[in-house]
Amino acid sequence: MGLLAWIIFGALAGWVASLITGRHQGCCLNVIVGVVGAFIGGIVVQLSTGRGFSIGFDLPSFAVAVLGAVILLAIAGIATRSRRW
């Protein structure tokens, strides 16, 4: 995928993940969360299935990216919650 496709894909995945987790952030952070989430989701799928996963612009890849972004936001929520104590 090209750079623009990664930005759009990441923005959508990050936005959906923020809706699922209830952690609302800006557009730029949604892009970062979505792209990093796609990477994390790909690793999770690869480790759980034992085969490689290629991120493309399709529904399974979007689901994997959202899953990874939700995991990332959950980890960030746990980290920020523990710092408040």
PDB file of N, CA and C in Angstrom:
ATOM      1  N   MET A   1       0.846  -1.179   0.000  1.00  0.00           N
ATOM      2  CA  MET A   1       0.000   0.000   0.000  1.00  0.00           C
ATOM      3  C   MET A   1       0.883   1.230   0.000  1.00  0.00           C
ATOM      4  N   GLY A   2       0.389   2.272  -0.600  1.00  0.00           N
ATOM      5  CA  GLY A   2       1.103   3.527  -0.625  1.00  0.00           C
ATOM      6  C   GLY A   2       0.954   4.288   0.674  1.00  0.00           C
ATOM      7  N   LEU A   3       1.713   5.336   0.809  1.00  0.00           N
ATOM      8  CA  LEU A   3       1.712   6.131   2.031  1.00  0.00           C
ATOM      9  C   LEU A   3       0.343   6.737   2.316  1.00  0.00           C
ATOM     10  N   LEU A   4      -0.317   7.274   1.306  1.00  0.00           N
ATOM     11  CA  LEU A   4      -1.637   7.869   1.502  1.00  0.00           C
ATOM     12  C   LEU A   4      -2.654   6.815   1.935  1.00  0.00           C
ATOM     13  N   ALA A   5      -2.557   5.625   1.365  1.00  0.00           N
ATOM     14  CA  ALA A   5      -3.467   4.539   1.744  1.00  0.00           C
ATOM     15  C   ALA A   5      -3.236   4.142   3.203  1.00  0.00           C
ATOM     16  N   TRP A   6      -1.975   4.096   3.649  1.00  0.00           N
ATOM     17  CA  TRP A   6      -1.682   3.780   5.053  1.00  0.00           C
ATOM     18  C   TRP A   6      -2.254   4.842   5.975  1.00  0.00           C
ATOM     19  N   ILE A   7      -2.173   6.108   5.588  1.00  0.00           N
ATOM     20  CA  ILE A   7      -2.698   7.192   6.419  1.00  0.00           C
ATOM     21  C   ILE A   7      -4.214   7.080   6.533  1.00  0.00           C
ATOM     22  N   ILE A   8      -4.892   6.849   5.419  1.00  0.00           N
ATOM     23  CA  ILE A   8      -6.350   6.720   5.437  1.00  0.00           C
ATOM     24  C   ILE A   8      -6.761   5.479   6.217  1.00  0.00           C
ATOM     25  N   PHE A   9      -6.099   4.366   5.944  1.00  0.00           N
ATOM     26  CA  PHE A   9      -6.376   3.109   6.636  1.00  0.00           C
ATOM     27  C   PHE A   9      -6.143   3.261   8.134  1.00  0.00           C
ATOM     28  N   GLY A  10      -5.047   3.883   8.504  1.00  0.00           N
ATOM     29  CA  GLY A  10      -4.732   4.098   9.916  1.00  0.00           C
ATOM     30  C   GLY A  10      -5.716   5.021  10.594  1.00  0.00           C
ATOM     31  N   ALA A  11      -6.129   6.072   9.893  1.00  0.00           N
ATOM     32  CA  ALA A  11      -7.104   6.995  10.472  1.00  0.00           C
ATOM     33  C   ALA A  11      -8.427   6.302  10.740  1.00  0.00           C
ATOM     34  N   LEU A  12      -8.879   5.509   9.792  1.00  0.00           N
ATOM     35  CA  LEU A  12     -10.140   4.787   9.977  1.00  0.00           C
ATOM     36  C   LEU A  12     -10.038   3.750  11.094  1.00  0.00           C
ATOM     37  N   ALA A  13      -8.970   2.978  11.095  1.00  0.00           N
ATOM     38  CA  ALA A  13      -8.793   1.952  12.135  1.00  0.00           C
ATOM     39  C   ALA A  13      -8.646   2.591  13.514  1.00  0.00           C
ATOM     40  N   GLY A  14      -7.884   3.661  13.615  1.00  0.00           N
ATOM     41  CA  GLY A  14      -7.718   4.362  14.889  1.00  0.00           C
ATOM     42  C   GLY A  14      -9.000   4.987  15.374  1.00  0.00           C
ATOM     43  N   TRP A  15      -9.784   5.527  14.449  1.00  0.00           N
ATOM     44  CA  TRP A  15     -11.058   6.137  14.811  1.00  0.00           C
ATOM     45  C   TRP A  15     -12.035   5.085  15.336  1.00  0.00           C
ATOM     46  N   VAL A  16     -12.142   3.952  14.638  1.00  0.00           N
ATOM     47  CA  VAL A  16     -13.037   2.879  15.079  1.00  0.00           C
ATOM     48  C   VAL A  16     -12.582   2.342  16.435  1.00  0.00           C
ATOM     49  N   ALA A  17     -11.285   2.160  16.616  1.00  0.00           N
ATOM     50  CA  ALA A  17     -10.769   1.670  17.893  1.00  0.00           C
ATOM     51  C   ALA A  17     -11.051   2.659  19.018  1.00  0.00           C
ATOM     52  N   SER A  18     -10.953   3.952  18.733  1.00  0.00           N
ATOM     53  CA  SER A  18     -11.252   4.946  19.773  1.00  0.00           C
ATOM     54  C   SER A  18     -12.734   4.939  20.125  1.00  0.00           C
ATOM     55  N   LEU A  19     -13.595   4.660  19.150  1.00  0.00           N
ATOM     56  CA  LEU A  19     -15.026   4.536  19.438  1.00  0.00           C
ATOM     57  C   LEU A  19     -15.300   3.303  20.301  1.00  0.00           C
ATOM     58  N   ILE A  20     -14.613   2.211  20.011  1.00  0.00           N
ATOM     59  CA  ILE A  20     -14.809   0.972  20.770  1.00  0.00           C
ATOM     60  C   ILE A  20     -14.336   1.138  22.207  1.00  0.00           C
ATOM     61  N   THR A  21     -13.187   1.747  22.405  1.00  0.00           N
ATOM     62  CA  THR A  21     -12.603   1.862  23.743  1.00  0.00           C
ATOM     63  C   THR A  21     -13.082   3.095  24.501  1.00  0.00           C
ATOM     64  N   GLY A  22     -13.668   4.045  23.821  1.00  0.00           N
ATOM     65  CA  GLY A  22     -14.121   5.263  24.483  1.00  0.00           C
ATOM     66  C   GLY A  22     -13.014   6.267  24.734  1.00  0.00           C
ATOM     67  N   ARG A  23     -11.856   6.056  24.143  1.00  0.00           N
ATOM     68  CA  ARG A  23     -10.730   6.992  24.283  1.00  0.00           C
ATOM     69  C   ARG A  23     -10.671   7.850  23.027  1.00  0.00           C
ATOM     70  N   HIS A  24     -11.163   9.060  23.133  1.00  0.00           N
ATOM     71  CA  HIS A  24     -11.231   9.937  21.970  1.00  0.00           C
ATOM     72  C   HIS A  24      -9.984  10.819  21.917  1.00  0.00           C
ATOM     73  N   GLN A  25      -9.355  10.856  20.757  1.00  0.00           N
ATOM     74  CA  GLN A  25      -8.173  11.678  20.535  1.00  0.00           C
ATOM     75  C   GLN A  25      -8.308  12.349  19.180  1.00  0.00           C
ATOM     76  N   GLY A  26      -7.348  13.119  18.818  1.00  0.00           N
ATOM     77  CA  GLY A  26      -7.402  13.856  17.565  1.00  0.00           C
ATOM     78  C   GLY A  26      -7.134  12.990  16.350  1.00  0.00           C
ATOM     79  N   CYS A  27      -7.266  13.593  15.190  1.00  0.00           N
ATOM     80  CA  CYS A  27      -7.119  12.886  13.915  1.00  0.00           C
ATOM     81  C   CYS A  27      -5.694  12.357  13.730  1.00  0.00           C
ATOM     82  N   CYS A  28      -4.710  13.157  14.052  1.00  0.00           N
ATOM     83  CA  CYS A  28      -3.317  12.719  13.875  1.00  0.00           C
ATOM     84  C   CYS A  28      -2.987  11.538  14.774  1.00  0.00           C
ATOM     85  N   LEU A  29      -3.480  11.568  15.994  1.00  0.00           N
ATOM     86  CA  LEU A  29      -3.237  10.449  16.897  1.00  0.00           C
ATOM     87  C   LEU A  29      -3.995   9.208  16.447  1.00  0.00           C
ATOM     88  N   ASN A  30      -5.175   9.384  15.851  1.00  0.00           N
ATOM     89  CA  ASN A  30      -5.904   8.248  15.284  1.00  0.00           C
ATOM     90  C   ASN A  30      -5.093   7.572  14.189  1.00  0.00           C
ATOM     91  N   VAL A  31      -4.433   8.351  13.346  1.00  0.00           N
ATOM     92  CA  VAL A  31      -3.600   7.792  12.281  1.00  0.00           C
ATOM     93  C   VAL A  31      -2.460   6.977  12.881  1.00  0.00           C
ATOM     94  N   ILE A  32      -1.786   7.543  13.865  1.00  0.00           N
ATOM     95  CA  ILE A  32      -0.660   6.851  14.496  1.00  0.00           C
ATOM     96  C   ILE A  32      -1.128   5.575  15.183  1.00  0.00           C
ATOM     97  N   VAL A  33      -2.225   5.672  15.933  1.00  0.00           N
ATOM     98  CA  VAL A  33      -2.758   4.499  16.626  1.00  0.00           C
ATOM     99  C   VAL A  33      -3.179   3.434  15.626  1.00  0.00           C
ATOM    100  N   GLY A  34      -3.792   3.836  14.520  1.00  0.00           N
ATOM    101  CA  GLY A  34      -4.233   2.875  13.513  1.00  0.00           C
ATOM    102  C   GLY A  34      -3.090   2.178  12.809  1.00  0.00           C
ATOM    103  N   VAL A  35      -2.064   2.920  12.440  1.00  0.00           N
ATOM    104  CA  VAL A  35      -0.916   2.316  11.742  1.00  0.00           C
ATOM    105  C   VAL A  35      -0.140   1.401  12.685  1.00  0.00           C
ATOM    106  N   VAL A  36       0.118   1.857  13.899  1.00  0.00           N
ATOM    107  CA  VAL A  36       0.812   1.014  14.871  1.00  0.00           C
ATOM    108  C   VAL A  36      -0.073  -0.178  15.241  1.00  0.00           C
ATOM    109  N   GLY A  37      -1.382   0.065  15.336  1.00  0.00           N
ATOM    110  CA  GLY A  37      -2.319  -1.019  15.625  1.00  0.00           C
ATOM    111  C   GLY A  37      -2.332  -2.072  14.538  1.00  0.00           C
ATOM    112  N   ALA A  38      -2.210  -1.661  13.282  1.00  0.00           N
ATOM    113  CA  ALA A  38      -2.138  -2.629  12.185  1.00  0.00           C
ATOM    114  C   ALA A  38      -0.903  -3.505  12.332  1.00  0.00           C
ATOM    115  N   PHE A  39       0.204  -2.907  12.727  1.00  0.00           N
ATOM    116  CA  PHE A  39       1.431  -3.664  12.953  1.00  0.00           C
ATOM    117  C   PHE A  39       1.264  -4.639  14.116  1.00  0.00           C
ATOM    118  N   ILE A  40       0.709  -4.160  15.226  1.00  0.00           N
ATOM    119  CA  ILE A  40       0.487  -5.014  16.397  1.00  0.00           C
ATOM    120  C   ILE A  40      -0.496  -6.131  16.063  1.00  0.00           C
ATOM    121  N   GLY A  41      -1.581  -5.792  15.372  1.00  0.00           N
ATOM    122  CA  GLY A  41      -2.560  -6.798  14.985  1.00  0.00           C
ATOM    123  C   GLY A  41      -1.970  -7.858  14.082  1.00  0.00           C
ATOM    124  N   GLY A  42      -1.108  -7.440  13.157  1.00  0.00           N
ATOM    125  CA  GLY A  42      -0.432  -8.402  12.285  1.00  0.00           C
ATOM    126  C   GLY A  42       0.446  -9.356  13.062  1.00  0.00           C
ATOM    127  N   ILE A  43       1.130  -8.839  14.071  1.00  0.00           N
ATOM    128  CA  ILE A  43       1.972  -9.695  14.908  1.00  0.00           C
ATOM    129  C   ILE A  43       1.110 -10.670  15.705  1.00  0.00           C
ATOM    130  N   VAL A  44      -0.010 -10.181  16.259  1.00  0.00           N
ATOM    131  CA  VAL A  44      -0.896 -11.047  17.040  1.00  0.00           C
ATOM    132  C   VAL A  44      -1.452 -12.167  16.162  1.00  0.00           C
ATOM    133  N   VAL A  45      -1.895 -11.823  14.959  1.00  0.00           N
ATOM    134  CA  VAL A  45      -2.437 -12.841  14.055  1.00  0.00           C
ATOM    135  C   VAL A  45      -1.355 -13.833  13.650  1.00  0.00           C
ATOM    136  N   GLN A  46      -0.165 -13.336  13.380  1.00  0.00           N
ATOM    137  CA  GLN A  46       0.933 -14.222  12.988  1.00  0.00           C
ATOM    138  C   GLN A  46       1.298 -15.174  14.126  1.00  0.00           C
ATOM    139  N   LEU A  47       1.347 -14.681  15.347  1.00  0.00           N
ATOM    140  CA  LEU A  47       1.689 -15.534  16.482  1.00  0.00           C
ATOM    141  C   LEU A  47       0.580 -16.532  16.799  1.00  0.00           C
ATOM    142  N   SER A  48      -0.667 -16.125  16.628  1.00  0.00           N
ATOM    143  CA  SER A  48      -1.769 -17.022  16.976  1.00  0.00           C
ATOM    144  C   SER A  48      -2.045 -18.068  15.900  1.00  0.00           C
ATOM    145  N   THR A  49      -1.779 -17.750  14.643  1.00  0.00           N
ATOM    146  CA  THR A  49      -2.055 -18.709  13.570  1.00  0.00           C
ATOM    147  C   THR A  49      -0.806 -19.442  13.096  1.00  0.00           C
ATOM    148  N   GLY A  50       0.358 -18.903  13.349  1.00  0.00           N
ATOM    149  CA  GLY A  50       1.593 -19.537  12.917  1.00  0.00           C
ATOM    150  C   GLY A  50       1.936 -19.284  11.455  1.00  0.00           C
ATOM    151  N   ARG A  51       1.217 -18.396  10.800  1.00  0.00           N
ATOM    152  CA  ARG A  51       1.521 -18.068   9.407  1.00  0.00           C
ATOM    153  C   ARG A  51       1.551 -16.555   9.251  1.00  0.00           C
ATOM    154  N   GLY A  52       2.185 -16.097   8.212  1.00  0.00           N
ATOM    155  CA  GLY A  52       2.322 -14.674   7.967  1.00  0.00           C
ATOM    156  C   GLY A  52       0.999 -14.016   7.615  1.00  0.00           C
ATOM    157  N   PHE A  53       0.926 -12.724   7.864  1.00  0.00           N
ATOM    158  CA  PHE A  53      -0.273 -11.962   7.545  1.00  0.00           C
ATOM    159  C   PHE A  53       0.149 -10.707   6.807  1.00  0.00           C
ATOM    160  N   SER A  54      -0.440 -10.476   5.676  1.00  0.00           N
ATOM    161  CA  SER A  54      -0.128  -9.307   4.866  1.00  0.00           C
ATOM    162  C   SER A  54      -1.266  -8.299   4.976  1.00  0.00           C
ATOM    163  N   ILE A  55      -0.939  -7.086   5.378  1.00  0.00           N
ATOM    164  CA  ILE A  55      -1.944  -6.040   5.504  1.00  0.00           C
ATOM    165  C   ILE A  55      -2.216  -5.458   4.124  1.00  0.00           C
ATOM    166  N   GLY A  56      -3.449  -5.507   3.715  1.00  0.00           N
ATOM    167  CA  GLY A  56      -3.903  -4.915   2.466  1.00  0.00           C
ATOM    168  C   GLY A  56      -5.103  -4.037   2.752  1.00  0.00           C
ATOM    169  N   PHE A  57      -5.704  -3.498   1.755  1.00  0.00           N
ATOM    170  CA  PHE A  57      -6.858  -2.620   1.940  1.00  0.00           C
ATOM    171  C   PHE A  57      -8.121  -3.451   1.739  1.00  0.00           C
ATOM    172  N   ASP A  58      -8.414  -4.344   2.706  1.00  0.00           N
ATOM    173  CA  ASP A  58      -9.601  -5.175   2.647  1.00  0.00           C
ATOM    174  C   ASP A  58     -10.171  -5.338   4.055  1.00  0.00           C
ATOM    175  N   LEU A  59     -11.328  -5.994   4.157  1.00  0.00           N
ATOM    176  CA  LEU A  59     -12.021  -6.109   5.439  1.00  0.00           C
ATOM    177  C   LEU A  59     -11.250  -6.915   6.486  1.00  0.00           C
ATOM    178  N   PRO A  60     -10.657  -8.065   6.158  1.00  0.00           N
ATOM    179  CA  PRO A  60      -9.882  -8.777   7.189  1.00  0.00           C
ATOM    180  C   PRO A  60      -8.700  -7.955   7.715  1.00  0.00           C
ATOM    181  N   SER A  61      -8.036  -7.244   6.839  1.00  0.00           N
ATOM    182  CA  SER A  61      -6.915  -6.402   7.276  1.00  0.00           C
ATOM    183  C   SER A  61      -7.403  -5.259   8.148  1.00  0.00           C
ATOM    184  N   PHE A  62      -8.557  -4.707   7.817  1.00  0.00           N
ATOM    185  CA  PHE A  62      -9.126  -3.633   8.628  1.00  0.00           C
ATOM    186  C   PHE A  62      -9.482  -4.154  10.019  1.00  0.00           C
ATOM    187  N   ALA A  63     -10.051  -5.354  10.085  1.00  0.00           N
ATOM    188  CA  ALA A  63     -10.392  -5.942  11.380  1.00  0.00           C
ATOM    189  C   ALA A  63      -9.142  -6.192  12.211  1.00  0.00           C
ATOM    190  N   VAL A  64      -8.082  -6.652  11.581  1.00  0.00           N
ATOM    191  CA  VAL A  64      -6.818  -6.885  12.282  1.00  0.00           C
ATOM    192  C   VAL A  64      -6.237  -5.562  12.771  1.00  0.00           C
ATOM    193  N   ALA A  65      -6.310  -4.529  11.951  1.00  0.00           N
ATOM    194  CA  ALA A  65      -5.797  -3.213  12.346  1.00  0.00           C
ATOM    195  C   ALA A  65      -6.588  -2.646  13.520  1.00  0.00           C
ATOM    196  N   VAL A  66      -7.910  -2.799  13.484  1.00  0.00           N
ATOM    197  CA  VAL A  66      -8.736  -2.313  14.591  1.00  0.00           C
ATOM    198  C   VAL A  66      -8.431  -3.105  15.856  1.00  0.00           C
ATOM    199  N   LEU A  67      -8.281  -4.426  15.731  1.00  0.00           N
ATOM    200  CA  LEU A  67      -7.928  -5.254  16.886  1.00  0.00           C
ATOM    201  C   LEU A  67      -6.607  -4.792  17.503  1.00  0.00           C
ATOM    202  N   GLY A  68      -5.615  -4.571  16.669  1.00  0.00           N
ATOM    203  CA  GLY A  68      -4.324  -4.100  17.169  1.00  0.00           C
ATOM    204  C   GLY A  68      -4.413  -2.723  17.796  1.00  0.00           C
ATOM    205  N   ALA A  69      -5.232  -1.837  17.211  1.00  0.00           N
ATOM    206  CA  ALA A  69      -5.396  -0.491  17.768  1.00  0.00           C
ATOM    207  C   ALA A  69      -6.118  -0.541  19.105  1.00  0.00           C
ATOM    208  N   VAL A  70      -7.092  -1.433  19.240  1.00  0.00           N
ATOM    209  CA  VAL A  70      -7.787  -1.589  20.525  1.00  0.00           C
ATOM    210  C   VAL A  70      -6.811  -2.102  21.581  1.00  0.00           C
ATOM    211  N   ILE A  71      -5.974  -3.056  21.204  1.00  0.00           N
ATOM    212  CA  ILE A  71      -4.954  -3.559  22.134  1.00  0.00           C
ATOM    213  C   ILE A  71      -4.015  -2.430  22.543  1.00  0.00           C
ATOM    214  N   LEU A  72      -3.585  -1.630  21.581  1.00  0.00           N
ATOM    215  CA  LEU A  72      -2.690  -0.507  21.868  1.00  0.00           C
ATOM    216  C   LEU A  72      -3.351   0.500  22.808  1.00  0.00           C
ATOM    217  N   LEU A  73      -4.608   0.851  22.546  1.00  0.00           N
ATOM    218  CA  LEU A  73      -5.306   1.806  23.406  1.00  0.00           C
ATOM    219  C   LEU A  73      -5.554   1.228  24.793  1.00  0.00           C
ATOM    220  N   ALA A  74      -5.796  -0.070  24.888  1.00  0.00           N
ATOM    221  CA  ALA A  74      -5.967  -0.700  26.197  1.00  0.00           C
ATOM    222  C   ALA A  74      -4.674  -0.654  26.998  1.00  0.00           C
ATOM    223  N   ILE A  75      -3.554  -0.939  26.340  1.00  0.00           N
ATOM    224  CA  ILE A  75      -2.257  -0.868  27.020  1.00  0.00           C
ATOM    225  C   ILE A  75      -1.968   0.563  27.451  1.00  0.00           C
ATOM    226  N   ALA A  76      -2.269   1.524  26.582  1.00  0.00           N
ATOM    227  CA  ALA A  76      -2.056   2.932  26.932  1.00  0.00           C
ATOM    228  C   ALA A  76      -2.948   3.344  28.096  1.00  0.00           C
ATOM    229  N   GLY A  77      -4.173   2.845  28.127  1.00  0.00           N
ATOM    230  CA  GLY A  77      -5.078   3.149  29.234  1.00  0.00           C
ATOM    231  C   GLY A  77      -4.584   2.588  30.548  1.00  0.00           C
ATOM    232  N   ILE A  78      -4.051   1.370  30.513  1.00  0.00           N
ATOM    233  CA  ILE A  78      -3.504   0.766  31.727  1.00  0.00           C
ATOM    234  C   ILE A  78      -2.278   1.539  32.197  1.00  0.00           C
ATOM    235  N   ALA A  79      -1.438   1.953  31.263  1.00  0.00           N
ATOM    236  CA  ALA A  79      -0.216   2.693  31.626  1.00  0.00           C
ATOM    237  C   ALA A  79      -0.550   4.059  32.221  1.00  0.00           C
ATOM    238  N   THR A  80      -1.521   4.750  31.642  1.00  0.00           N
ATOM    239  CA  THR A  80      -1.860   6.071  32.170  1.00  0.00           C
ATOM    240  C   THR A  80      -2.639   5.959  33.471  1.00  0.00           C
ATOM    241  N   ARG A  81      -3.413   4.905  33.643  1.00  0.00           N
ATOM    242  CA  ARG A  81      -4.147   4.704  34.877  1.00  0.00           C
ATOM    243  C   ARG A  81      -3.209   4.424  36.026  1.00  0.00           C
ATOM    244  N   SER A  82      -2.146   3.658  35.786  1.00  0.00           N
ATOM    245  CA  SER A  82      -1.202   3.330  36.848  1.00  0.00           C
ATOM    246  C   SER A  82      -0.344   4.539  37.219  1.00  0.00           C
ATOM    247  N   ARG A  83      -0.149   5.466  36.303  1.00  0.00           N
ATOM    248  CA  ARG A  83       0.632   6.657  36.619  1.00  0.00           C
ATOM    249  C   ARG A  83      -0.145   7.647  37.461  1.00  0.00           C
ATOM    250  N   ARG A  84      -1.470   7.617  37.406  1.00  0.00           N
ATOM    251  CA  ARG A  84      -2.284   8.545  38.190  1.00  0.00           C
ATOM    252  C   ARG A  84      -2.258   8.219  39.674  1.00  0.00           C
ATOM    253  N   TRP A  85      -1.998   6.973  40.038  1.00  0.00           N
ATOM    254  CA  TRP A  85      -2.011   6.577  41.433  1.00  0.00           C
ATOM    255  C   TRP A  85      -0.807   7.125  42.066  1.00  0.00           C
TER     256      TRP A  85
END
